[in-house]
Amino acid sequence: MSAQPLSGVTVLDFTTLLPGPLATLMLAEAGATVIKIERPGGEDMRFFPPKAGPVSALYAMLNRGKTCLERDLKDPAAREEILSRVETADIVVEQFRPGVMARLRLGAREMCARNPRLIHCSITGYGQEGPRAGEAGHDINYLALTGLLALSCGTPSAPVLPPAQIADIAGGSFPAVINILLALYRRERTGEGQILDIAMADAMFTFALFAQAHLSATGRAPANGADLLTGASPRYRLYAAADGTLIAVGALEEKFWRALCDAVDLPEPLRDDRRDPSATIAGLSACFATRPGADWVPLLAAADCCATPLATLDAALRDPHFLERGLFDFTVKSGDTDLPATVLPIARAFRGSTTAKAPTG
């Protein structure tokens, strides 16, 4: 096997929970040596239920292949050890609130003074500067404050939460990896390190791209559930089959829309969805309610119209397509327990062994 892209790169990881550990996991999967520094006793994610072996299943999956060192960063001896490691490290990733590492005399400036080639990446909710920089927050807060959640959040009597940690992953983990790799490439040409400030809230505006275009053109932001991709269009919605199975319809283009209408036998007067979208939605709902979900599967597949019944996670993990693509070939061992590794957007050619251990301290 050829050398992995990040072979020989050393990462000091001071992160916890999800955003930072997922970012450094991607670096580790591409060949980097990741040394995870945790407080004595270990970080909180170790104890999240359910457990698998000696640690949380989620902790094991997020920290596959890393080495863990438990250190009290307030201890002067630990601080000196950390700084000595910084001298030969390539990347530092930390996830404390702004100012915490600086108060410990382990801030970005101190570390980069020791190693001018160092790439130092901080992941926070709102960034290192600005009126909200010191505020506490989690994924839902970042979505709420950037206007993204207001675009599709259900009703006051039945509010709906997003099914994924969008800000943590798409605003924290992914931008961190992108910018770290850009900084590594720049360092190859200039020899200079870089201090990176990743704010999870920032990228949420990227996810509101459609709504921002609407706001810019009309002066009005789309109301909750009232945009093309949030429920206003009959062509992009969830419909219930007779047995309650939900069917995801994404028939935006005219050719797919016509194929869908034919597949469900939508009455002709309702097929011009510009005339009365609500009536078309009601008509499609009535059509889908005539058959159970299993009956719709072959009909919609034959129509090739961007309409698919919702799969549960356990069913998706057994889908022949994803199995054939090898998404679940990687594993992590936590004690004596074997777990599936986190599915990552890293090309298989760049990844190493399909089996690895979780750190145990």
Protein backbone atom coordinates (compact mmCIF):
# COMPACT_ATOMS: atom_id res chain seq x y z
CA MET A 1 0.00 0.00 0.00
CA SER A 2 1.31 3.46 -0.88
CA ALA A 3 2.03 6.01 1.83
CA GLN A 4 -1.01 7.83 3.12
CA PRO A 5 -1.26 11.58 2.42
CA LEU A 6 -0.67 12.60 6.04
CA SER A 7 1.93 10.00 6.99
CA GLY A 8 4.58 11.67 9.13
CA VAL A 9 2.23 14.47 10.26
CA THR A 10 1.74 14.79 14.03
CA VAL A 11 -1.42 16.26 15.53
CA LEU A 12 -1.92 17.32 19.15
CA ASP A 13 -5.65 17.09 19.84
CA PHE A 14 -7.10 19.02 22.80
CA THR A 15 -10.72 18.61 21.70
CA THR A 16 -13.73 16.92 23.29
CA LEU A 17 -17.20 15.64 22.40
CA LEU A 18 -17.94 15.80 18.65
CA PRO A 19 -16.60 18.64 16.42
CA GLY A 20 -12.87 18.45 17.13
CA PRO A 21 -12.62 14.68 17.61
CA LEU A 22 -14.36 14.10 14.28
CA ALA A 23 -11.97 16.53 12.58
CA THR A 24 -8.89 14.85 14.02
CA LEU A 25 -10.36 11.43 13.23
CA MET A 26 -10.38 12.39 9.55
CA LEU A 27 -6.75 13.46 9.82
CA ALA A 28 -5.90 10.18 11.55
CA GLU A 29 -7.69 8.18 8.85
CA ALA A 30 -5.52 9.91 6.25
CA GLY A 31 -2.37 8.78 8.05
CA ALA A 32 -1.62 11.45 10.66
CA THR A 33 -0.43 10.49 14.13
CA VAL A 34 -3.01 11.98 16.50
CA ILE A 35 -2.14 12.37 20.18
CA LYS A 36 -5.28 13.21 22.14
CA ILE A 37 -4.68 15.16 25.36
CA GLU A 38 -7.45 14.65 27.90
CA ARG A 39 -7.93 15.77 31.47
CA PRO A 40 -7.21 13.22 34.22
CA GLY A 41 -10.05 10.71 34.19
CA GLY A 42 -10.84 11.38 30.55
CA GLU A 43 -13.18 13.66 28.65
CA ASP A 44 -16.98 13.59 29.02
CA MET A 45 -17.64 11.64 25.82
CA ARG A 46 -16.00 8.56 27.34
CA PHE A 47 -19.01 8.17 29.62
CA PHE A 48 -21.89 8.84 27.20
CA PRO A 49 -24.30 5.91 26.93
CA PRO A 50 -24.34 3.37 25.52
CA LYS A 51 -21.00 1.89 26.46
CA ALA A 52 -19.15 -0.59 24.28
CA GLY A 53 -16.26 -2.19 26.10
CA PRO A 54 -14.54 0.15 28.55
CA VAL A 55 -15.76 3.42 26.96
CA SER A 56 -18.73 4.95 25.18
CA ALA A 57 -19.46 3.55 21.72
CA LEU A 58 -19.47 7.08 20.33
CA TYR A 59 -16.13 7.89 21.97
CA ALA A 60 -14.60 4.73 20.50
CA MET A 61 -15.90 5.53 17.01
CA LEU A 62 -14.74 9.18 17.11
CA ASN A 63 -11.27 8.40 18.40
CA ARG A 64 -10.36 5.33 16.40
CA GLY A 65 -6.62 4.95 15.94
CA LYS A 66 -5.60 7.83 18.21
CA THR A 67 -3.26 7.76 21.21
CA CYS A 68 -4.58 9.28 24.42
CA LEU A 69 -2.57 11.01 27.15
CA GLU A 70 -4.26 12.23 30.33
CA ARG A 71 -2.69 15.46 31.58
CA ASP A 72 -3.65 18.23 33.98
CA LEU A 73 -2.99 21.34 31.91
CA LYS A 74 -2.79 23.46 35.08
CA ASP A 75 0.25 21.46 36.19
CA PRO A 76 3.47 23.31 35.24
CA ALA A 77 5.23 20.04 34.45
CA ALA A 78 2.40 19.01 32.11
CA ARG A 79 2.54 22.43 30.46
CA GLU A 80 6.25 22.08 29.76
CA GLU A 81 5.70 18.58 28.37
CA ILE A 82 2.99 19.91 26.07
CA LEU A 83 5.18 22.74 24.82
CA SER A 84 8.03 20.35 24.15
CA ARG A 85 5.67 18.22 22.08
CA VAL A 86 4.54 21.33 20.22
CA GLU A 87 8.10 21.89 19.01
CA THR A 88 7.89 18.78 16.83
CA ALA A 89 4.16 18.78 16.08
CA ASP A 90 2.63 19.88 12.81
CA ILE A 91 -0.93 20.63 13.90
CA VAL A 92 -2.72 21.56 17.13
CA VAL A 93 -6.50 21.42 17.34
CA GLU A 94 -8.25 22.80 20.43
CA GLN A 95 -11.88 23.37 21.32
CA PHE A 96 -11.89 25.41 24.54
CA ARG A 97 -13.76 28.68 24.89
CA PRO A 98 -11.74 31.70 23.72
CA GLY A 99 -9.03 32.65 26.20
CA VAL A 100 -8.95 29.39 28.17
CA MET A 101 -5.74 28.03 26.64
CA ALA A 102 -4.10 31.47 26.79
CA ARG A 103 -4.81 31.63 30.54
CA LEU A 104 -3.06 28.29 30.85
CA ARG A 105 -0.14 29.81 28.92
CA LEU A 106 -0.83 27.29 26.15
CA GLY A 107 -2.49 29.66 23.71
CA ALA A 108 -1.92 29.84 19.97
CA ARG A 109 0.67 32.62 20.30
CA GLU A 110 2.73 30.70 22.86
CA MET A 111 2.63 27.51 20.82
CA CYS A 112 3.47 29.19 17.52
CA ALA A 113 6.37 31.02 19.18
CA ARG A 114 7.79 27.60 20.03
CA ASN A 115 7.17 26.30 16.52
CA PRO A 116 6.68 28.87 13.72
CA ARG A 117 5.68 26.07 11.32
CA LEU A 118 2.81 25.01 13.55
CA ILE A 119 -0.75 25.02 12.23
CA HIS A 120 -2.98 25.91 15.17
CA CYS A 121 -6.71 25.44 14.76
CA SER A 122 -9.31 26.57 17.31
CA ILE A 123 -12.91 25.36 17.02
CA THR A 124 -15.49 27.37 18.95
CA GLY A 125 -19.15 28.26 18.65
CA TYR A 126 -18.77 31.90 17.66
CA GLY A 127 -15.07 32.44 17.02
CA GLN A 128 -12.24 34.02 18.98
CA GLU A 129 -13.58 37.59 18.75
CA GLY A 130 -16.93 39.37 18.61
CA PRO A 131 -19.79 40.08 21.04
CA ARG A 132 -20.82 36.41 21.25
CA ALA A 133 -17.33 34.94 21.45
CA GLY A 134 -17.63 34.02 25.12
CA GLU A 135 -21.18 32.64 24.99
CA ALA A 136 -21.94 29.00 25.73
CA GLY A 137 -23.76 27.10 23.04
CA HIS A 138 -24.51 23.81 21.35
CA ASP A 139 -25.57 22.84 17.86
CA ILE A 140 -29.18 23.95 18.25
CA ASN A 141 -28.11 27.40 19.46
CA TYR A 142 -25.87 28.01 16.46
CA LEU A 143 -28.69 27.00 14.10
CA ALA A 144 -31.15 29.20 15.98
CA LEU A 145 -29.02 32.36 16.03
CA THR A 146 -28.06 32.25 12.35
CA GLY A 147 -31.63 32.07 11.06
CA LEU A 148 -31.20 28.57 9.64
CA LEU A 149 -33.51 26.79 12.07
CA ALA A 150 -36.29 29.33 11.52
CA LEU A 151 -36.58 28.22 7.88
CA SER A 152 -37.96 24.80 8.81
CA CYS A 153 -38.76 24.10 12.45
CA GLY A 154 -42.30 22.76 12.52
CA THR A 155 -45.05 24.62 14.36
CA PRO A 156 -45.22 26.12 17.87
CA SER A 157 -47.37 23.18 18.95
CA ALA A 158 -45.15 20.60 17.23
CA PRO A 159 -41.62 22.01 16.83
CA VAL A 160 -39.19 19.84 14.86
CA LEU A 161 -35.50 19.40 15.64
CA PRO A 162 -32.90 18.72 12.92
CA PRO A 163 -31.91 15.04 12.79
CA ALA A 164 -28.17 15.77 12.71
CA GLN A 165 -25.56 17.94 14.42
CA ILE A 166 -25.26 20.29 11.47
CA ALA A 167 -23.23 23.04 13.13
CA ASP A 168 -20.93 20.64 14.97
CA ILE A 169 -20.04 18.65 11.86
CA ALA A 170 -20.62 20.95 8.89
CA GLY A 171 -19.65 24.11 10.77
CA GLY A 172 -16.89 22.69 12.96
CA SER A 173 -15.35 19.39 11.83
CA PHE A 174 -15.43 19.86 8.07
CA PRO A 175 -14.23 23.51 7.94
CA ALA A 176 -11.46 22.63 10.39
CA VAL A 177 -10.17 19.83 8.15
CA ILE A 178 -10.51 21.92 4.98
CA ASN A 179 -8.57 24.83 6.44
CA ILE A 180 -5.94 22.65 8.09
CA LEU A 181 -5.23 20.98 4.75
CA LEU A 182 -5.09 24.37 3.02
CA ALA A 183 -2.65 25.57 5.69
CA LEU A 184 -0.50 22.46 5.22
CA TYR A 185 -0.38 23.10 1.48
CA ARG A 186 0.52 26.75 2.04
CA ARG A 187 3.24 25.74 4.52
CA GLU A 188 4.80 23.49 1.88
CA ARG A 189 5.30 26.57 -0.29
CA THR A 190 6.15 29.21 2.35
CA GLY A 191 7.43 27.31 5.38
CA GLU A 192 5.07 29.33 7.57
CA GLY A 193 2.54 28.05 10.06
CA GLN A 194 -0.98 29.40 10.50
CA ILE A 195 -3.48 30.25 13.23
CA LEU A 196 -7.00 29.18 12.23
CA ASP A 197 -10.19 30.44 13.88
CA ILE A 198 -13.14 28.13 13.10
CA ALA A 199 -16.55 29.28 14.35
CA MET A 200 -19.28 26.66 14.07
CA ALA A 201 -22.00 29.30 13.66
CA ASP A 202 -20.33 30.92 10.65
CA ALA A 203 -20.95 28.11 8.17
CA MET A 204 -24.65 27.99 9.00
CA PHE A 205 -25.10 31.00 6.72
CA THR A 206 -23.71 28.87 3.89
CA PHE A 207 -26.51 26.37 4.53
CA ALA A 208 -29.08 29.16 4.23
CA LEU A 209 -27.90 29.94 0.70
CA PHE A 210 -31.28 29.47 -0.99
CA ALA A 211 -33.06 31.58 1.60
CA GLN A 212 -30.43 34.32 1.45
CA ALA A 213 -30.82 34.53 -2.31
CA HIS A 214 -34.57 34.93 -1.83
CA LEU A 215 -34.02 37.62 0.80
CA SER A 216 -31.55 39.49 -1.39
CA ALA A 217 -33.86 39.46 -4.42
CA THR A 218 -37.18 40.18 -2.70
CA GLY A 219 -36.30 41.88 0.57
CA ARG A 220 -38.11 39.15 2.50
CA ALA A 221 -36.75 35.98 4.04
CA PRO A 222 -38.85 32.85 3.46
CA ALA A 223 -41.24 32.04 6.29
CA ASN A 224 -41.02 28.79 8.24
CA GLY A 225 -41.77 25.89 5.88
CA ALA A 226 -42.62 28.25 3.02
CA ASP A 227 -39.66 27.95 0.63
CA LEU A 228 -39.12 25.63 -2.33
CA LEU A 229 -37.09 23.11 -0.28
CA THR A 230 -38.81 23.50 3.08
CA GLY A 231 -42.39 22.52 2.25
CA ALA A 232 -43.99 25.09 -0.06
CA SER A 233 -43.63 23.01 -3.22
CA PRO A 234 -45.61 19.82 -3.92
CA ARG A 235 -42.48 18.58 -5.68
CA TYR A 236 -40.27 18.51 -2.57
CA ARG A 237 -42.10 17.11 0.43
CA LEU A 238 -42.78 14.08 2.57
CA TYR A 239 -45.97 12.15 1.84
CA ALA A 240 -47.52 9.34 3.89
CA ALA A 241 -48.39 5.96 2.37
CA ALA A 242 -51.44 4.02 3.55
CA ASP A 243 -49.49 2.31 6.34
CA GLY A 244 -47.84 5.52 7.53
CA THR A 245 -44.58 4.96 5.67
CA LEU A 246 -43.19 8.34 4.66
CA ILE A 247 -42.10 8.87 1.08
CA ALA A 248 -39.50 11.54 0.29
CA VAL A 249 -40.34 13.29 -2.97
CA GLY A 250 -37.73 15.46 -4.66
CA ALA A 251 -39.19 15.68 -8.16
CA LEU A 252 -38.11 19.26 -8.83
CA GLU A 253 -37.28 19.03 -12.53
CA GLU A 254 -40.19 18.81 -14.96
CA LYS A 255 -39.22 15.38 -16.32
CA PHE A 256 -39.16 13.90 -12.82
CA TRP A 257 -42.40 15.68 -11.91
CA ARG A 258 -44.21 14.26 -14.93
CA ALA A 259 -42.88 10.77 -14.16
CA LEU A 260 -44.06 11.06 -10.55
CA CYS A 261 -47.51 12.24 -11.57
CA ASP A 262 -47.83 9.28 -13.93
CA ALA A 263 -46.57 6.81 -11.31
CA VAL A 264 -49.12 7.86 -8.69
CA ASP A 265 -51.86 8.61 -11.23
CA LEU A 266 -52.34 12.21 -10.10
CA PRO A 267 -55.46 13.69 -11.73
CA GLU A 268 -54.60 15.85 -14.71
CA PRO A 269 -56.06 19.12 -13.35
CA LEU A 270 -53.67 18.95 -10.37
CA ARG A 271 -50.48 18.42 -12.36
CA ASP A 272 -49.92 22.14 -12.98
CA ASP A 273 -48.67 22.76 -9.45
CA ARG A 274 -48.25 26.49 -10.05
CA ARG A 275 -52.01 26.97 -10.23
CA ASP A 276 -52.86 25.83 -6.70
CA PRO A 277 -49.93 24.22 -4.85
CA SER A 278 -52.06 23.37 -1.82
CA ALA A 279 -54.55 21.48 -3.96
CA THR A 280 -51.77 19.57 -5.68
CA ILE A 281 -50.26 18.67 -2.29
CA ALA A 282 -53.64 17.41 -1.12
CA GLY A 283 -54.06 15.41 -4.33
CA LEU A 284 -50.65 13.79 -4.04
CA SER A 285 -51.32 13.00 -0.39
CA ALA A 286 -54.52 11.23 -1.38
CA CYS A 287 -52.72 9.27 -4.11
CA PHE A 288 -49.94 8.07 -1.83
CA ALA A 289 -52.49 7.08 0.82
CA THR A 290 -54.00 4.48 -1.50
CA ARG A 291 -51.11 1.99 -1.11
CA PRO A 292 -48.76 0.85 1.68
CA GLY A 293 -45.12 1.85 1.49
CA ALA A 294 -43.89 -1.54 0.29
CA ASP A 295 -46.18 -1.35 -2.74
CA TRP A 296 -44.80 2.04 -3.71
CA VAL A 297 -41.15 0.88 -3.71
CA PRO A 298 -41.13 -0.92 -7.10
CA LEU A 299 -43.49 1.58 -8.72
CA LEU A 300 -41.37 4.59 -7.78
CA ALA A 301 -38.13 2.79 -8.64
CA ALA A 302 -39.45 1.98 -12.10
CA ALA A 303 -40.54 5.59 -12.59
CA ASP A 304 -37.05 6.88 -11.65
CA CYS A 305 -38.67 10.09 -10.41
CA CYS A 306 -36.65 11.08 -7.30
CA ALA A 307 -39.17 9.56 -4.88
CA THR A 308 -38.03 7.11 -2.21
CA PRO A 309 -39.64 5.67 0.93
CA LEU A 310 -37.75 6.54 4.09
CA ALA A 311 -35.35 3.86 5.27
CA THR A 312 -34.64 3.32 8.94
CA LEU A 313 -30.97 3.48 9.92
CA ASP A 314 -30.72 -0.26 10.46
CA ALA A 315 -32.26 -0.89 7.04
CA ALA A 316 -29.90 1.62 5.42
CA LEU A 317 -26.93 -0.20 6.95
CA ARG A 318 -28.08 -3.34 5.11
CA ASP A 319 -28.67 -1.61 1.76
CA PRO A 320 -26.77 -3.56 -0.96
CA HIS A 321 -25.66 -0.32 -2.62
CA PHE A 322 -23.88 1.03 0.46
CA LEU A 323 -22.52 -2.40 1.32
CA GLU A 324 -21.03 -2.75 -2.15
CA ARG A 325 -19.38 0.66 -1.83
CA GLY A 326 -17.57 -0.59 1.28
CA LEU A 327 -18.82 2.14 3.60
CA PHE A 328 -19.01 -0.23 6.55
CA ASP A 329 -15.82 -2.23 5.99
CA PHE A 330 -13.90 -0.36 8.70
CA THR A 331 -14.09 -1.35 12.37
CA VAL A 332 -12.88 -0.14 15.74
CA LYS A 333 -12.10 -2.34 18.73
CA SER A 334 -13.11 -1.05 22.15
CA GLY A 335 -11.73 -3.49 24.69
CA ASP A 336 -13.08 -6.83 23.49
CA THR A 337 -15.95 -5.23 21.57
CA ASP A 338 -15.87 -4.73 17.81
CA LEU A 339 -17.77 -1.70 16.52
CA PRO A 340 -18.32 -0.27 13.05
CA ALA A 341 -16.04 2.67 12.40
CA THR A 342 -17.48 6.10 11.64
CA VAL A 343 -18.32 6.51 7.96
CA LEU A 344 -16.11 9.35 6.75
CA PRO A 345 -15.85 11.39 3.53
CA ILE A 346 -12.24 10.28 3.05
CA ALA A 347 -11.39 8.42 -0.14
CA ARG A 348 -10.63 4.79 0.55
CA ALA A 349 -7.28 5.15 -1.26
CA PHE A 350 -6.14 7.59 1.45
CA ARG A 351 -7.19 5.49 4.45
CA GLY A 352 -5.12 2.90 6.25
CA SER A 353 -6.06 -0.33 7.99
CA THR A 354 -9.70 -1.34 8.11
CA THR A 355 -9.23 -2.29 11.78
CA ALA A 356 -7.99 -0.06 14.62
CA LYS A 357 -8.37 0.37 18.36
CA ALA A 358 -10.02 3.06 20.41
CA PRO A 359 -7.80 4.86 22.93
CA THR A 360 -8.22 3.73 26.52
CA GLY A 361 -6.01 6.25 28.28
